[in-house]
Full PDB file with SEQRES, HELIX, SHEET, SSBOND, CRYST1, ORIGX, SCALE, CONECT and MASTER records, all heavy atoms in Angstrom:
SEQRES   1 A   39  ASP SER GLY ALA ARG LEU LYS LEU GLU PRO ARG GLU ILE          
SEQRES   2 A   39  ARG GLN VAL ASP ASP VAL ALA LEU VAL SER ASN ASN ALA          
SEQRES   3 A   39  THR LEU THR GLY VAL GLY PRO GLU PRO VAL LEU SER THR          
SHEET    1 AA1 3 ARG A   5  VAL A  16  0                                        
SHEET    2 AA1 3 VAL A  19  THR A  29 -1                                        
SHEET    3 AA1 3 VAL A  36  SER A  38 -1                                        
CRYST1    1.000    1.000    1.000  90.00  90.00  90.00 P 1           1          
ORIGX1      1.000000  0.000000  0.000000        0.00000                         
ORIGX2      0.000000  1.000000  0.000000        0.00000                         
ORIGX3      0.000000  0.000000  1.000000        0.00000                         
SCALE1      1.000000  0.000000  0.000000        0.00000                         
SCALE2      0.000000  1.000000  0.000000        0.00000                         
SCALE3      0.000000  0.000000  1.000000        0.00000                         
ATOM      1  N   ASP A   1     116.555 115.739  58.521  1.00  0.00           N  
ATOM      2  CA  ASP A   1     117.840 115.719  57.825  1.00  0.00           C  
ATOM      3  C   ASP A   1     118.673 114.491  58.183  1.00  0.00           C  
ATOM      4  O   ASP A   1     119.454 114.014  57.362  1.00  0.00           O  
ATOM      5  CB  ASP A   1     118.641 116.989  58.122  1.00  0.00           C  
ATOM      6  CG  ASP A   1     118.044 118.228  57.460  1.00  0.00           C  
ATOM      7  OD1 ASP A   1     117.138 118.082  56.595  1.00  0.00           O  
ATOM      8  OD2 ASP A   1     118.474 119.342  57.825  1.00  0.00           O  
ATOM      9  N   SER A   2     118.502 113.966  59.401  1.00  0.00           N  
ATOM     10  CA  SER A   2     119.266 112.790  59.821  1.00  0.00           C  
ATOM     11  C   SER A   2     118.694 111.498  59.254  1.00  0.00           C  
ATOM     12  O   SER A   2     119.319 110.446  59.338  1.00  0.00           O  
ATOM     13  CB  SER A   2     119.299 112.699  61.352  1.00  0.00           C  
ATOM     14  OG  SER A   2     118.039 112.248  61.849  1.00  0.00           O  
ATOM     15  N   GLY A   3     117.491 111.568  58.697  1.00  0.00           N  
ATOM     16  CA  GLY A   3     116.843 110.356  58.191  1.00  0.00           C  
ATOM     17  C   GLY A   3     116.131 109.563  59.272  1.00  0.00           C  
ATOM     18  O   GLY A   3     115.868 108.370  59.113  1.00  0.00           O  
ATOM     19  N   ALA A   4     115.806 110.220  60.365  1.00  0.00           N  
ATOM     20  CA  ALA A   4     115.158 109.551  61.500  1.00  0.00           C  
ATOM     21  C   ALA A   4     113.828 108.928  61.094  1.00  0.00           C  
ATOM     22  O   ALA A   4     113.114 109.449  60.238  1.00  0.00           O  
ATOM     23  CB  ALA A   4     114.932 110.550  62.639  1.00  0.00           C  
ATOM     24  N   ARG A   5     113.507 107.818  61.759  1.00  0.00           N  
ATOM     25  CA  ARG A   5     112.218 107.147  61.604  1.00  0.00           C  
ATOM     26  C   ARG A   5     111.689 106.856  62.992  1.00  0.00           C  
ATOM     27  O   ARG A   5     112.443 106.508  63.897  1.00  0.00           O  
ATOM     28  CB  ARG A   5     112.346 105.845  60.814  1.00  0.00           C  
ATOM     29  CG  ARG A   5     112.725 106.060  59.369  1.00  0.00           C  
ATOM     30  CD  ARG A   5     111.579 106.732  58.616  1.00  0.00           C  
ATOM     31  NE  ARG A   5     111.881 107.023  57.238  1.00  0.00           N  
ATOM     32  CZ  ARG A   5     112.189 108.217  56.775  1.00  0.00           C  
ATOM     33  NH1 ARG A   5     112.272 109.245  57.579  1.00  0.00           N  
ATOM     34  NH2 ARG A   5     112.428 108.414  55.502  1.00  0.00           N  
ATOM     35  N   LEU A   6     110.373 106.985  63.152  1.00  0.00           N  
ATOM     36  CA  LEU A   6     109.736 106.822  64.453  1.00  0.00           C  
ATOM     37  C   LEU A   6     108.634 105.776  64.363  1.00  0.00           C  
ATOM     38  O   LEU A   6     107.819 105.805  63.444  1.00  0.00           O  
ATOM     39  CB  LEU A   6     109.139 108.157  64.906  1.00  0.00           C  
ATOM     40  CG  LEU A   6     108.410 108.177  66.241  1.00  0.00           C  
ATOM     41  CD1 LEU A   6     109.368 107.868  67.384  1.00  0.00           C  
ATOM     42  CD2 LEU A   6     107.731 109.527  66.445  1.00  0.00           C  
ATOM     43  N   LYS A   7     108.627 104.885  65.343  1.00  0.00           N  
ATOM     44  CA  LYS A   7     107.536 103.918  65.473  1.00  0.00           C  
ATOM     45  C   LYS A   7     106.914 104.128  66.853  1.00  0.00           C  
ATOM     46  O   LYS A   7     107.626 104.133  67.862  1.00  0.00           O  
ATOM     47  CB  LYS A   7     108.053 102.489  65.347  1.00  0.00           C  
ATOM     48  CG  LYS A   7     106.955 101.454  65.502  1.00  0.00           C  
ATOM     49  CD  LYS A   7     107.497 100.050  65.383  1.00  0.00           C  
ATOM     50  CE  LYS A   7     106.370  99.060  65.595  1.00  0.00           C  
ATOM     51  NZ  LYS A   7     106.883  97.696  65.668  1.00  0.00           N  
ATOM     52  N   LEU A   8     105.605 104.355  66.874  1.00  0.00           N  
ATOM     53  CA  LEU A   8     104.876 104.557  68.127  1.00  0.00           C  
ATOM     54  C   LEU A   8     103.878 103.423  68.323  1.00  0.00           C  
ATOM     55  O   LEU A   8     103.140 103.084  67.402  1.00  0.00           O  
ATOM     56  CB  LEU A   8     104.120 105.890  68.112  1.00  0.00           C  
ATOM     57  CG  LEU A   8     104.960 107.144  68.036  1.00  0.00           C  
ATOM     58  CD1 LEU A   8     104.069 108.361  67.842  1.00  0.00           C  
ATOM     59  CD2 LEU A   8     105.809 107.295  69.285  1.00  0.00           C  
ATOM     60  N   GLU A   9     103.873 102.869  69.527  1.00  0.00           N  
ATOM     61  CA  GLU A   9     102.892 101.856  69.907  1.00  0.00           C  
ATOM     62  C   GLU A   9     102.113 102.423  71.099  1.00  0.00           C  
ATOM     63  O   GLU A   9     102.682 102.632  72.179  1.00  0.00           O  
ATOM     64  CB  GLU A   9     103.582 100.556  70.294  1.00  0.00           C  
ATOM     65  CG  GLU A   9     104.352  99.925  69.151  1.00  0.00           C  
ATOM     66  CD  GLU A   9     105.128  98.694  69.577  1.00  0.00           C  
ATOM     67  OE1 GLU A   9     105.019  98.263  70.746  1.00  0.00           O  
ATOM     68  OE2 GLU A   9     105.865  98.165  68.724  1.00  0.00           O  
ATOM     69  N   PRO A  10     100.826 102.709  70.914  1.00  0.00           N  
ATOM     70  CA  PRO A  10     100.034 103.314  71.996  1.00  0.00           C  
ATOM     71  C   PRO A  10     100.021 102.462  73.264  1.00  0.00           C  
ATOM     72  O   PRO A  10      99.898 101.243  73.188  1.00  0.00           O  
ATOM     73  CB  PRO A  10      98.628 103.411  71.399  1.00  0.00           C  
ATOM     74  CG  PRO A  10      98.834 103.372  69.921  1.00  0.00           C  
ATOM     75  CD  PRO A  10     100.033 102.511  69.698  1.00  0.00           C  
ATOM     76  N   ARG A  11     100.177 103.137  74.410  1.00  0.00           N  
ATOM     77  CA  ARG A  11     100.092 102.490  75.720  1.00  0.00           C  
ATOM     78  C   ARG A  11      98.796 102.871  76.418  1.00  0.00           C  
ATOM     79  O   ARG A  11      98.008 102.032  76.764  1.00  0.00           O  
ATOM     80  CB  ARG A  11     101.275 102.917  76.602  1.00  0.00           C  
ATOM     81  CG  ARG A  11     102.594 102.368  76.189  1.00  0.00           C  
ATOM     82  CD  ARG A  11     103.681 102.750  77.203  1.00  0.00           C  
ATOM     83  NE  ARG A  11     103.379 102.214  78.518  1.00  0.00           N  
ATOM     84  CZ  ARG A  11     103.235 102.949  79.632  1.00  0.00           C  
ATOM     85  NH1 ARG A  11     103.362 104.253  79.598  1.00  0.00           N  
ATOM     86  NH2 ARG A  11     102.966 102.379  80.778  1.00  0.00           N  
ATOM     87  N   GLU A  12      98.628 104.175  76.662  1.00  0.00           N  
ATOM     88  CA  GLU A  12      97.485 104.666  77.430  1.00  0.00           C  
ATOM     89  C   GLU A  12      97.051 106.020  76.906  1.00  0.00           C  
ATOM     90  O   GLU A  12      97.877 106.812  76.452  1.00  0.00           O  
ATOM     91  CB  GLU A  12      97.839 104.822  78.909  1.00  0.00           C  
ATOM     92  CG  GLU A  12      98.221 103.550  79.625  1.00  0.00           C  
ATOM     93  CD  GLU A  12      97.032 102.646  79.904  1.00  0.00           C  
ATOM     94  OE1 GLU A  12      95.893 103.153  79.979  1.00  0.00           O  
ATOM     95  OE2 GLU A  12      97.246 101.438  80.041  1.00  0.00           O  
ATOM     96  N   ILE A  13      95.752 106.277  76.997  1.00  0.00           N  
ATOM     97  CA  ILE A  13      95.202 107.603  76.704  1.00  0.00           C  
ATOM     98  C   ILE A  13      94.200 107.921  77.802  1.00  0.00           C  
ATOM     99  O   ILE A  13      93.320 107.110  78.098  1.00  0.00           O  
ATOM    100  CB  ILE A  13      94.489 107.648  75.335  1.00  0.00           C  
ATOM    101  CG1 ILE A  13      95.484 107.358  74.212  1.00  0.00           C  
ATOM    102  CG2 ILE A  13      93.821 109.008  75.124  1.00  0.00           C  
ATOM    103  CD1 ILE A  13      94.842 107.236  72.852  1.00  0.00           C  
ATOM    104  N   ARG A  14      94.343 109.078  78.423  1.00  0.00           N  
ATOM    105  CA  ARG A  14      93.399 109.567  79.420  1.00  0.00           C  
ATOM    106  C   ARG A  14      92.895 110.915  78.936  1.00  0.00           C  
ATOM    107  O   ARG A  14      93.685 111.844  78.772  1.00  0.00           O  
ATOM    108  CB  ARG A  14      94.058 109.745  80.781  1.00  0.00           C  
ATOM    109  CG  ARG A  14      94.650 108.491  81.361  1.00  0.00           C  
ATOM    110  CD  ARG A  14      93.553 107.599  81.942  1.00  0.00           C  
ATOM    111  NE  ARG A  14      94.136 106.485  82.663  1.00  0.00           N  
ATOM    112  CZ  ARG A  14      94.334 105.282  82.140  1.00  0.00           C  
ATOM    113  NH1 ARG A  14      93.998 105.046  80.901  1.00  0.00           N  
ATOM    114  NH2 ARG A  14      94.860 104.327  82.857  1.00  0.00           N  
ATOM    115  N   GLN A  15      91.609 110.999  78.674  1.00  0.00           N  
ATOM    116  CA  GLN A  15      91.032 112.234  78.162  1.00  0.00           C  
ATOM    117  C   GLN A  15      90.057 112.816  79.172  1.00  0.00           C  
ATOM    118  O   GLN A  15      89.210 112.111  79.707  1.00  0.00           O  
ATOM    119  CB  GLN A  15      90.289 111.964  76.845  1.00  0.00           C  
ATOM    120  CG  GLN A  15      89.689 113.215  76.245  1.00  0.00           C  
ATOM    121  CD  GLN A  15      88.925 112.934  74.968  1.00  0.00           C  
ATOM    122  OE1 GLN A  15      89.100 111.888  74.348  1.00  0.00           O  
ATOM    123  NE2 GLN A  15      88.075 113.868  74.605  1.00  0.00           N  
ATOM    124  N   VAL A  16      90.200 114.112  79.421  1.00  0.00           N  
ATOM    125  CA  VAL A  16      89.265 114.873  80.243  1.00  0.00           C  
ATOM    126  C   VAL A  16      88.893 116.107  79.434  1.00  0.00           C  
ATOM    127  O   VAL A  16      89.736 116.973  79.196  1.00  0.00           O  
ATOM    128  CB  VAL A  16      89.888 115.281  81.597  1.00  0.00           C  
ATOM    129  CG1 VAL A  16      88.900 116.119  82.396  1.00  0.00           C  
ATOM    130  CG2 VAL A  16      90.334 114.063  82.384  1.00  0.00           C  
ATOM    131  N   ASP A  17      87.666 116.124  78.971  1.00  0.00           N  
ATOM    132  CA  ASP A  17      87.181 117.225  78.144  1.00  0.00           C  
ATOM    133  C   ASP A  17      88.114 117.440  76.953  1.00  0.00           C  
ATOM    134  O   ASP A  17      88.289 116.544  76.148  1.00  0.00           O  
ATOM    135  CB  ASP A  17      86.983 118.503  78.970  1.00  0.00           C  
ATOM    136  CG  ASP A  17      85.945 118.312  80.080  1.00  0.00           C  
ATOM    137  OD1 ASP A  17      84.945 117.596  79.839  1.00  0.00           O  
ATOM    138  OD2 ASP A  17      86.149 118.857  81.169  1.00  0.00           O  
ATOM    139  N   ASP A  18      88.752 118.617  76.865  1.00  0.00           N  
ATOM    140  CA  ASP A  18      89.579 118.956  75.715  1.00  0.00           C  
ATOM    141  C   ASP A  18      91.075 118.768  75.964  1.00  0.00           C  
ATOM    142  O   ASP A  18      91.905 119.324  75.237  1.00  0.00           O  
ATOM    143  CB  ASP A  18      89.312 120.391  75.278  1.00  0.00           C  
ATOM    144  CG  ASP A  18      87.929 120.544  74.681  1.00  0.00           C  
ATOM    145  OD1 ASP A  18      87.373 119.539  74.186  1.00  0.00           O  
ATOM    146  OD2 ASP A  18      87.399 121.665  74.688  1.00  0.00           O  
ATOM    147  N   VAL A  19      91.425 117.971  76.982  1.00  0.00           N  
ATOM    148  CA  VAL A  19      92.828 117.695  77.288  1.00  0.00           C  
ATOM    149  C   VAL A  19      93.014 116.178  77.359  1.00  0.00           C  
ATOM    150  O   VAL A  19      92.156 115.466  77.882  1.00  0.00           O  
ATOM    151  CB  VAL A  19      93.240 118.341  78.627  1.00  0.00           C  
ATOM    152  CG1 VAL A  19      94.667 117.973  78.993  1.00  0.00           C  
ATOM    153  CG2 VAL A  19      93.093 119.854  78.560  1.00  0.00           C  
ATOM    154  N   ALA A  20      94.135 115.707  76.813  1.00  0.00           N  
ATOM    155  CA  ALA A  20      94.419 114.277  76.852  1.00  0.00           C  
ATOM    156  C   ALA A  20      95.864 114.049  77.275  1.00  0.00           C  
ATOM    157  O   ALA A  20      96.772 114.773  76.857  1.00  0.00           O  
ATOM    158  CB  ALA A  20      94.183 113.641  75.495  1.00  0.00           C  
ATOM    159  N   LEU A  21      96.054 113.044  78.126  1.00  0.00           N  
ATOM    160  CA  LEU A  21      97.374 112.559  78.500  1.00  0.00           C  
ATOM    161  C   LEU A  21      97.581 111.273  77.708  1.00  0.00           C  
ATOM    162  O   LEU A  21      96.749 110.364  77.761  1.00  0.00           O  
ATOM    163  CB  LEU A  21      97.447 112.280  80.001  1.00  0.00           C  
ATOM    164  CG  LEU A  21      98.712 111.609  80.514  1.00  0.00           C  
ATOM    165  CD1 LEU A  21      99.923 112.503  80.308  1.00  0.00           C  
ATOM    166  CD2 LEU A  21      98.543 111.246  81.982  1.00  0.00           C  
ATOM    167  N   VAL A  22      98.672 111.219  76.953  1.00  0.00           N  
ATOM    168  CA  VAL A  22      98.935 110.103  76.058  1.00  0.00           C  
ATOM    169  C   VAL A  22     100.312 109.534  76.370  1.00  0.00           C  
ATOM    170  O   VAL A  22     101.244 110.287  76.666  1.00  0.00           O  
ATOM    171  CB  VAL A  22      98.890 110.565  74.577  1.00  0.00           C  
ATOM    172  CG1 VAL A  22      99.246 109.448  73.633  1.00  0.00           C  
ATOM    173  CG2 VAL A  22      97.531 111.160  74.253  1.00  0.00           C  
ATOM    174  N   SER A  23     100.423 108.214  76.300  1.00  0.00           N  
ATOM    175  CA  SER A  23     101.718 107.572  76.474  1.00  0.00           C  
ATOM    176  C   SER A  23     101.878 106.496  75.402  1.00  0.00           C  
ATOM    177  O   SER A  23     100.961 105.723  75.140  1.00  0.00           O  
ATOM    178  CB  SER A  23     101.826 106.945  77.868  1.00  0.00           C  
ATOM    179  OG  SER A  23     103.088 106.338  78.032  1.00  0.00           O  
ATOM    180  N   ASN A  24     103.043 106.488  74.781  1.00  0.00           N  
ATOM    181  CA  ASN A  24     103.380 105.514  73.738  1.00  0.00           C  
ATOM    182  C   ASN A  24     104.722 104.869  74.053  1.00  0.00           C  
ATOM    183  O   ASN A  24     105.579 105.485  74.698  1.00  0.00           O  
ATOM    184  CB  ASN A  24     103.538 106.216  72.377  1.00  0.00           C  
ATOM    185  CG  ASN A  24     102.266 106.807  71.861  1.00  0.00           C  
ATOM    186  OD1 ASN A  24     101.395 106.095  71.419  1.00  0.00           O  
ATOM    187  ND2 ASN A  24     102.150 108.135  71.919  1.00  0.00           N  
ATOM    188  N   ASN A  25     104.919 103.652  73.557  1.00  0.00           N  
ATOM    189  CA  ASN A  25     106.256 103.086  73.479  1.00  0.00           C  
ATOM    190  C   ASN A  25     106.816 103.563  72.159  1.00  0.00           C  
ATOM    191  O   ASN A  25     106.184 103.398  71.110  1.00  0.00           O  
ATOM    192  CB  ASN A  25     106.219 101.561  73.528  1.00  0.00           C  
ATOM    193  CG  ASN A  25     105.812 101.047  74.894  1.00  0.00           C  
ATOM    194  OD1 ASN A  25     106.208 101.591  75.909  1.00  0.00           O  
ATOM    195  ND2 ASN A  25     105.007 100.011  74.915  1.00  0.00           N  
ATOM    196  N   ALA A  26     107.982 104.196  72.203  1.00  0.00           N  
ATOM    197  CA  ALA A  26     108.560 104.804  71.006  1.00  0.00           C  
ATOM    198  C   ALA A  26     109.898 104.164  70.667  1.00  0.00           C  
ATOM    199  O   ALA A  26     110.700 103.871  71.554  1.00  0.00           O  
ATOM    200  CB  ALA A  26     108.750 106.302  71.224  1.00  0.00           C  
ATOM    201  N   THR A  27     110.118 103.982  69.375  1.00  0.00           N  
ATOM    202  CA  THR A  27     111.409 103.541  68.864  1.00  0.00           C  
ATOM    203  C   THR A  27     111.822 104.527  67.788  1.00  0.00           C  
ATOM    204  O   THR A  27     111.147 104.661  66.766  1.00  0.00           O  
ATOM    205  CB  THR A  27     111.324 102.119  68.267  1.00  0.00           C  
ATOM    206  OG1 THR A  27     110.822 101.223  69.250  1.00  0.00           O  
ATOM    207  CG2 THR A  27     112.703 101.655  67.798  1.00  0.00           C  
ATOM    208  N   LEU A  28     112.920 105.242  68.038  1.00  0.00           N  
ATOM    209  CA  LEU A  28     113.448 106.224  67.092  1.00  0.00           C  
ATOM    210  C   LEU A  28     114.744 105.666  66.514  1.00  0.00           C  
ATOM    211  O   LEU A  28     115.664 105.310  67.261  1.00  0.00           O  
ATOM    212  CB  LEU A  28     113.711 107.554  67.801  1.00  0.00           C  
ATOM    213  CG  LEU A  28     114.215 108.703  66.946  1.00  0.00           C  
ATOM    214  CD1 LEU A  28     113.160 109.134  65.931  1.00  0.00           C  
ATOM    215  CD2 LEU A  28     114.625 109.881  67.831  1.00  0.00           C  
ATOM    216  N   THR A  29     114.803 105.571  65.188  1.00  0.00           N  
ATOM    217  CA  THR A  29     116.014 105.086  64.528  1.00  0.00           C  
ATOM    218  C   THR A  29     116.534 106.167  63.586  1.00  0.00           C  
ATOM    219  O   THR A  29     115.819 107.091  63.217  1.00  0.00           O  
ATOM    220  CB  THR A  29     115.720 103.799  63.730  1.00  0.00           C  
ATOM    221  OG1 THR A  29     114.670 104.054  62.797  1.00  0.00           O  
ATOM    222  CG2 THR A  29     115.319 102.655  64.650  1.00  0.00           C  
ATOM    223  N   GLY A  30     117.811 106.021  63.222  1.00  0.00           N  
ATOM    224  CA  GLY A  30     118.401 106.939  62.258  1.00  0.00           C  
ATOM    225  C   GLY A  30     119.079 108.141  62.863  1.00  0.00           C  
ATOM    226  O   GLY A  30     119.618 108.963  62.131  1.00  0.00           O  
ATOM    227  N   VAL A  31     119.060 108.265  64.187  1.00  0.00           N  
ATOM    228  CA  VAL A  31     119.697 109.422  64.822  1.00  0.00           C  
ATOM    229  C   VAL A  31     121.005 109.050  65.517  1.00  0.00           C  
ATOM    230  O   VAL A  31     121.671 109.900  66.071  1.00  0.00           O  
ATOM    231  CB  VAL A  31     118.747 110.116  65.828  1.00  0.00           C  
ATOM    232  CG1 VAL A  31     117.568 110.728  65.112  1.00  0.00           C  
ATOM    233  CG2 VAL A  31     118.293 109.163  66.908  1.00  0.00           C  
ATOM    234  N   GLY A  32     121.355 107.789  65.495  1.00  0.00           N  
ATOM    235  CA  GLY A  32     122.587 107.309  66.112  1.00  0.00           C  
ATOM    236  C   GLY A  32     122.799 105.864  65.739  1.00  0.00           C  
ATOM    237  O   GLY A  32     121.994 105.272  65.006  1.00  0.00           O  
ATOM    238  N   PRO A  33     123.855 105.273  66.267  1.00  0.00           N  
ATOM    239  CA  PRO A  33     124.149 103.884  65.898  1.00  0.00           C  
ATOM    240  C   PRO A  33     123.125 102.877  66.448  1.00  0.00           C  
ATOM    241  O   PRO A  33     122.918 101.830  65.860  1.00  0.00           O  
ATOM    242  CB  PRO A  33     125.537 103.644  66.488  1.00  0.00           C  
ATOM    243  CG  PRO A  33     125.696 104.674  67.549  1.00  0.00           C  
ATOM    244  CD  PRO A  33     124.854 105.848  67.137  1.00  0.00           C  
ATOM    245  N   GLU A  34     122.479 103.211  67.539  1.00  0.00           N  
ATOM    246  CA  GLU A  34     121.500 102.323  68.158  1.00  0.00           C  
ATOM    247  C   GLU A  34     120.125 102.993  68.178  1.00  0.00           C  
ATOM    248  O   GLU A  34     120.038 104.217  68.309  1.00  0.00           O  
ATOM    249  CB  GLU A  34     121.911 101.996  69.598  1.00  0.00           C  
ATOM    250  CG  GLU A  34     123.235 101.267  69.710  1.00  0.00           C  
ATOM    251  CD  GLU A  34     123.176  99.870  69.112  1.00  0.00           C  
ATOM    252  OE1 GLU A  34     122.138  99.199  69.254  1.00  0.00           O  
ATOM    253  OE2 GLU A  34     124.178  99.456  68.485  1.00  0.00           O  
ATOM    254  N   PRO A  35     119.060 102.211  68.102  1.00  0.00           N  
ATOM    255  CA  PRO A  35     117.720 102.796  68.251  1.00  0.00           C  
ATOM    256  C   PRO A  35     117.557 103.436  69.628  1.00  0.00           C  
ATOM    257  O   PRO A  35     118.134 102.970  70.612  1.00  0.00           O  
ATOM    258  CB  PRO A  35     116.785 101.597  68.102  1.00  0.00           C  
ATOM    259  CG  PRO A  35     117.593 100.534  67.449  1.00  0.00           C  
ATOM    260  CD  PRO A  35     119.017 100.775  67.847  1.00  0.00           C  
ATOM    261  N   VAL A  36     116.767 104.507  69.684  1.00  0.00           N  
ATOM    262  CA  VAL A  36     116.427 105.147  70.950  1.00  0.00           C  
ATOM    263  C   VAL A  36     115.043 104.644  71.342  1.00  0.00           C  
ATOM    264  O   VAL A  36     114.067 104.853  70.627  1.00  0.00           O  
ATOM    265  CB  VAL A  36     116.426 106.684  70.819  1.00  0.00           C  
ATOM    266  CG1 VAL A  36     115.993 107.338  72.128  1.00  0.00           C  
ATOM    267  CG2 VAL A  36     117.792 107.186  70.376  1.00  0.00           C  
ATOM    268  N   LEU A  37     114.973 103.937  72.475  1.00  0.00           N  
ATOM    269  CA  LEU A  37     113.721 103.400  72.982  1.00  0.00           C  
ATOM    270  C   LEU A  37     113.262 104.261  74.141  1.00  0.00           C  
ATOM    271  O   LEU A  37     114.060 104.608  75.019  1.00  0.00           O  
ATOM    272  CB  LEU A  37     113.902 101.958  73.453  1.00  0.00           C  
ATOM    273  CG  LEU A  37     114.518 100.993  72.442  1.00  0.00           C  
ATOM    274  CD1 LEU A  37     114.761  99.637  73.091  1.00  0.00           C  
ATOM    275  CD2 LEU A  37     113.644 100.861  71.220  1.00  0.00           C  
ATOM    276  N   SER A  38     111.981 104.603  74.164  1.00  0.00           N  
ATOM    277  CA  SER A  38     111.471 105.414  75.267  1.00  0.00           C  
ATOM    278  C   SER A  38     109.983 105.175  75.450  1.00  0.00           C  
ATOM    279  O   SER A  38     109.324 104.583  74.599  1.00  0.00           O  
ATOM    280  CB  SER A  38     111.737 106.902  75.027  1.00  0.00           C  
ATOM    281  OG  SER A  38     110.976 107.384  73.936  1.00  0.00           O  
ATOM    282  N   THR A  39     109.479 105.662  76.563  1.00  0.00           N  
ATOM    283  CA  THR A  39     108.048 105.686  76.844  1.00  0.00           C  
ATOM    284  C   THR A  39     107.655 107.144  76.926  1.00  0.00           C  
ATOM    285  O   THR A  39     108.148 107.876  77.780  1.00  0.00           O  
ATOM    286  CB  THR A  39     107.725 104.964  78.169  1.00  0.00           C  
ATOM    287  OG1 THR A  39     108.200 103.618  78.072  1.00  0.00           O  
ATOM    288  CG2 THR A  39     106.241 104.967  78.447  1.00  0.00           C  
TER     289      THR A  39                                                      
MASTER        0    0    0    0    3    0    0    6  288    1    0    3          
END                                                                             
């Protein structure tokens, strides 16, 4: 509803059998005046 947009850039993936740990650099826009940057 806020019009948010998300951009993900993969950092790391660690997979063990049927479980994976994933990390991305994320940029979320449209939820406030400034983009939200996170890992």
